[in-house]
Amino acid sequence: QVQLVESGGGLVQPGGSLRLSCAASGISFSRYGMSWYRQAPGKERELVADITSAGRSTNHADSVKGRFTISRDDAKNTVYLQMSALKPEDTAVYYCRARYSFRDYWGQGTQVTVSS
């Protein structure tokens, strides 16, 4: 059974930092490209960042570039999203996604709220 379990979300003040984690099980994690998406209320889900298998390359949305960093630890079957200089507009449910060939899995999401 494939599971992607996100954690690390919560309430943070503007300018603060959080690190999200997504622990995978039931897949050959190192083969998968991993992504973080987010969905704010009333908005479509959007790509935040992704990282290829073995971490050879990363991509970050313009809205988070320079503030967020995606990384992975294949030994722990985990992908991370380090978020800093958080803004109220970063408030959303954050989801991780794993893709390899035709296989495509999503986590259940973790809420991030940026508010004073």
Protein backbone atom coordinates (compact mmCIF):
# COMPACT_ATOMS: atom_id res chain seq x y z
CA GLN A 1 0.00 0.00 0.00
CA VAL A 2 1.38 3.34 -1.06
CA GLN A 3 1.34 6.13 1.50
CA LEU A 4 2.58 9.70 1.35
CA VAL A 5 2.29 11.38 4.73
CA GLU A 6 2.91 15.10 5.02
CA SER A 7 3.78 16.78 8.30
CA GLY A 8 5.20 20.02 9.63
CA GLY A 9 2.37 22.38 8.81
CA GLY A 10 0.90 24.82 11.29
CA LEU A 11 0.33 28.45 12.17
CA VAL A 12 3.27 30.82 11.69
CA GLN A 13 3.67 34.58 11.73
CA PRO A 14 4.61 36.49 8.58
CA GLY A 15 8.36 36.32 8.06
CA GLY A 16 8.59 33.01 9.87
CA SER A 17 9.78 29.60 8.72
CA LEU A 18 8.47 26.07 8.53
CA ARG A 19 9.82 22.81 7.19
CA LEU A 20 7.37 20.39 5.64
CA SER A 21 8.15 16.70 5.35
CA CYS A 22 6.57 14.01 3.21
CA ALA A 23 7.39 10.45 4.20
CA ALA A 24 6.74 7.83 1.53
CA SER A 25 6.16 4.13 1.94
CA GLY A 26 5.19 1.35 -0.44
CA ILE A 27 7.19 2.74 -3.37
CA SER A 28 10.77 2.61 -4.62
CA PHE A 29 11.22 6.16 -3.51
CA SER A 30 14.52 6.87 -5.24
CA ARG A 31 12.94 6.26 -8.64
CA TYR A 32 10.24 8.85 -8.16
CA GLY A 33 10.18 12.49 -9.03
CA MET A 34 8.69 14.35 -6.08
CA SER A 35 6.71 17.55 -5.99
CA TRP A 36 5.05 19.93 -3.57
CA TYR A 37 1.76 21.56 -4.55
CA ARG A 38 -0.52 23.88 -2.65
CA GLN A 39 -4.14 24.88 -2.79
CA ALA A 40 -5.54 27.99 -1.18
CA PRO A 41 -9.28 28.39 -0.51
CA GLY A 42 -11.14 29.16 -3.71
CA LYS A 43 -8.05 28.68 -5.86
CA GLU A 44 -6.71 25.93 -8.07
CA ARG A 45 -3.97 23.64 -6.90
CA GLU A 46 -0.58 24.93 -8.04
CA LEU A 47 2.91 23.54 -8.30
CA VAL A 48 5.27 24.93 -5.68
CA ALA A 49 8.44 22.95 -6.35
CA ASP A 50 9.67 19.67 -7.72
CA ILE A 51 12.79 17.57 -7.61
CA THR A 52 13.89 14.80 -9.93
CA SER A 53 14.92 11.34 -8.86
CA ALA A 54 18.33 11.40 -7.18
CA GLY A 55 17.86 15.15 -6.73
CA ARG A 56 19.65 15.96 -9.96
CA SER A 57 17.56 19.04 -10.56
CA THR A 58 14.95 21.16 -8.85
CA ASN A 59 12.37 23.66 -9.96
CA HIS A 60 10.61 26.30 -7.88
CA ALA A 61 7.63 28.45 -8.75
CA ASP A 62 8.46 32.11 -9.25
CA SER A 63 6.25 33.02 -6.29
CA VAL A 64 8.46 31.06 -3.88
CA LYS A 65 11.86 31.27 -5.54
CA GLY A 66 14.50 32.39 -3.08
CA ARG A 67 12.24 31.63 -0.10
CA PHE A 68 11.42 27.93 -0.41
CA THR A 69 13.76 25.01 -1.07
CA ILE A 70 12.83 21.46 -1.97
CA SER A 71 15.17 18.62 -1.06
CA ARG A 72 15.06 14.86 -0.62
CA ASP A 73 16.68 12.17 1.48
CA ASP A 74 16.38 8.86 -0.31
CA ALA A 75 17.74 6.99 2.71
CA LYS A 76 14.72 8.20 4.67
CA ASN A 77 12.22 8.04 1.79
CA THR A 78 11.38 11.65 2.55
CA VAL A 79 11.04 14.88 0.62
CA TYR A 80 11.20 18.25 2.35
CA LEU A 81 10.07 21.77 1.69
CA GLN A 82 11.98 24.38 3.67
CA MET A 83 9.91 27.55 3.73
CA SER A 84 11.21 30.89 4.97
CA ALA A 85 10.12 34.52 4.80
CA LEU A 86 6.55 33.26 4.79
CA LYS A 87 3.79 35.57 3.62
CA PRO A 88 0.03 35.50 4.26
CA GLU A 89 -0.45 34.53 0.61
CA ASP A 90 1.46 31.30 1.29
CA THR A 91 -1.51 30.13 3.35
CA ALA A 92 -2.77 26.90 1.80
CA VAL A 93 -2.98 23.17 2.12
CA TYR A 94 0.33 21.74 0.95
CA TYR A 95 0.40 18.36 -0.81
CA CYS A 96 3.23 16.13 -1.89
CA ARG A 97 3.11 14.12 -5.08
CA ALA A 98 5.17 11.18 -6.30
CA ARG A 99 5.43 10.29 -9.97
CA TYR A 100 7.27 7.57 -11.87
CA SER A 101 6.21 6.40 -15.31
CA PHE A 102 2.43 5.99 -15.14
CA ARG A 103 2.40 5.84 -11.34
CA ASP A 104 1.09 8.97 -9.66
CA TYR A 105 0.39 9.32 -5.93
CA TRP A 106 -0.72 12.17 -3.68
CA GLY A 107 -0.58 12.75 0.04
CA GLN A 108 -3.49 13.97 2.13
CA GLY A 109 -2.08 17.45 2.66
CA THR A 110 -0.96 19.58 5.57
CA GLN A 111 -2.32 23.02 6.42
CA VAL A 112 0.00 26.01 6.50
CA THR A 113 -1.45 29.25 7.84
CA VAL A 114 0.57 32.46 7.82
CA SER A 115 -1.05 35.07 10.01
CA SER A 116 -0.26 37.49 12.78
